[in-house]
Amino acid sequence: MTEISGPGGLRAGATAVVIEAYAFACMRCGHGWEQSYEIEHHVDADGRTFVLYVADGRIVPSPLNRPACRSCDGHLVRILRPGRVASARDAARRARRAPAAGPVGAPWAPERSAPLP
């Protein structure tokens, strides 16, 4: 998901602000989470462009460079489209509500062999 903020969404010194959202899944502990980032585009005094990632009002490192799990601090993290963690949680909740399938009971009868002609 990408949204570009208009002139009202710019912060001091930012030339543009892009909003990106990502879902993350830790391959070490299984923890999943989602986060939105405001990506502020800036130009330094030498005319070089750079970006700042802002999450929950704080400047944070890029989530694309060596993301860390919020639960176990592991770095084996898969980055997914936004909404993937929420949809997996919903599917898990639906699966827990469904009754467990089991074997169907059938009376046992020994096989009878047919007489040979």
Protein backbone atom coordinates (compact mmCIF):
# COMPACT_ATOMS: atom_id res chain seq x y z
CA MET A 1 0.00 0.00 0.00
CA THR A 2 1.42 3.36 -0.99
CA GLU A 3 -0.11 6.76 -0.50
CA ILE A 4 1.48 10.08 -1.29
CA SER A 5 0.56 12.94 0.99
CA GLY A 6 -0.24 16.30 -0.51
CA PRO A 7 1.26 19.62 0.58
CA GLY A 8 -0.62 19.51 3.89
CA GLY A 9 1.16 16.27 4.90
CA LEU A 10 4.71 17.61 4.52
CA ARG A 11 6.89 18.04 7.57
CA ALA A 12 9.70 20.56 8.01
CA GLY A 13 12.19 20.09 5.21
CA ALA A 14 10.37 17.20 3.53
CA THR A 15 9.68 17.52 -0.19
CA ALA A 16 7.18 14.61 -0.17
CA VAL A 17 5.78 12.05 2.25
CA VAL A 18 4.87 8.55 1.08
CA ILE A 19 2.95 6.17 3.34
CA GLU A 20 3.89 2.49 3.03
CA ALA A 21 2.56 -0.44 5.04
CA TYR A 22 4.20 -3.84 5.45
CA ALA A 23 3.41 -7.10 7.18
CA PHE A 24 6.22 -9.05 8.85
CA ALA A 25 6.51 -12.70 9.91
CA CYS A 26 9.39 -14.03 12.00
CA MET A 27 10.64 -17.37 10.69
CA ARG A 28 12.34 -18.05 14.03
CA CYS A 29 9.48 -17.70 16.53
CA GLY A 30 6.40 -17.31 14.29
CA HIS A 31 5.45 -13.84 15.54
CA GLY A 32 3.63 -11.67 12.99
CA TRP A 33 2.90 -7.95 12.94
CA GLU A 34 2.05 -5.07 10.63
CA GLN A 35 3.37 -1.53 10.55
CA SER A 36 2.75 1.64 8.53
CA TYR A 37 5.61 4.03 7.78
CA GLU A 38 5.68 7.63 6.66
CA ILE A 39 8.63 7.88 4.28
CA GLU A 40 9.79 11.47 4.20
CA HIS A 41 11.84 12.56 1.18
CA HIS A 42 14.41 15.26 1.96
CA VAL A 43 17.26 17.09 0.20
CA ASP A 44 20.42 17.83 2.17
CA ALA A 45 22.57 21.00 1.94
CA ASP A 46 24.63 19.44 -0.87
CA GLY A 47 21.53 18.69 -2.95
CA ARG A 48 21.55 14.91 -2.28
CA THR A 49 18.22 13.25 -1.62
CA PHE A 50 17.61 10.99 1.37
CA VAL A 51 14.62 9.46 3.08
CA LEU A 52 13.57 9.11 6.70
CA TYR A 53 11.27 6.33 7.86
CA VAL A 54 8.83 7.44 10.55
CA ALA A 55 6.70 4.95 12.50
CA ASP A 56 4.38 6.00 15.30
CA GLY A 57 5.89 9.50 15.24
CA ARG A 58 9.50 8.28 15.68
CA ILE A 59 12.29 8.09 13.12
CA VAL A 60 13.21 4.42 12.69
CA PRO A 61 15.61 2.44 10.50
CA SER A 62 14.32 1.25 7.14
CA PRO A 63 12.21 -1.86 7.64
CA LEU A 64 13.71 -3.26 4.43
CA ASN A 65 17.28 -3.37 5.79
CA ARG A 66 17.75 -6.23 8.28
CA PRO A 67 14.34 -6.15 10.02
CA ALA A 68 14.24 -7.51 13.56
CA CYS A 69 11.43 -9.47 15.22
CA ARG A 70 9.58 -7.54 17.90
CA SER A 71 9.18 -10.72 19.94
CA CYS A 72 12.50 -12.60 19.81
CA ASP A 73 14.80 -9.98 18.21
CA GLY A 74 15.68 -12.49 15.49
CA HIS A 75 16.62 -11.31 12.00
CA LEU A 76 15.06 -14.11 9.96
CA VAL A 77 12.00 -12.00 9.10
CA ARG A 78 9.87 -12.27 5.97
CA ILE A 79 8.34 -9.06 4.62
CA LEU A 80 4.85 -9.44 3.17
CA ARG A 81 2.11 -7.34 1.61
CA PRO A 82 0.02 -5.44 4.16
CA GLY A 83 -2.96 -7.39 5.46
CA ARG A 84 -1.29 -10.81 5.28
CA VAL A 85 -0.80 -11.14 9.04
CA ALA A 86 -4.38 -10.06 9.78
CA SER A 87 -5.80 -12.50 7.21
CA ALA A 88 -3.72 -15.36 8.66
CA ARG A 89 -4.96 -14.54 12.17
CA ASP A 90 -8.57 -14.48 10.92
CA ALA A 91 -8.09 -17.87 9.25
CA ALA A 92 -6.60 -19.29 12.45
CA ARG A 93 -9.57 -18.01 14.48
CA ARG A 94 -12.03 -19.58 12.03
CA ALA A 95 -10.15 -22.88 12.17
CA ARG A 96 -10.32 -22.93 15.98
CA ARG A 97 -14.10 -22.39 15.92
CA ALA A 98 -14.77 -25.29 13.55
CA PRO A 99 -15.27 -28.68 15.20
CA ALA A 100 -12.40 -31.03 14.69
CA ALA A 101 -12.97 -33.67 12.05
CA GLY A 102 -12.39 -37.21 13.13
CA PRO A 103 -12.82 -40.72 11.88
CA VAL A 104 -16.34 -41.82 11.11
CA GLY A 105 -17.45 -44.78 13.17
CA ALA A 106 -18.58 -47.82 11.20
CA PRO A 107 -19.45 -51.24 12.53
CA TRP A 108 -16.76 -53.81 11.91
CA ALA A 109 -17.68 -57.00 10.15
CA PRO A 110 -15.20 -59.70 9.21
CA GLU A 111 -14.79 -60.29 5.50
CA ARG A 112 -16.48 -63.39 4.18
CA SER A 113 -14.74 -65.21 1.45
CA ALA A 114 -16.86 -66.35 -1.44
CA PRO A 115 -16.82 -70.11 -2.15
CA LEU A 116 -14.63 -71.15 -5.05
CA PRO A 117 -16.44 -72.60 -8.08
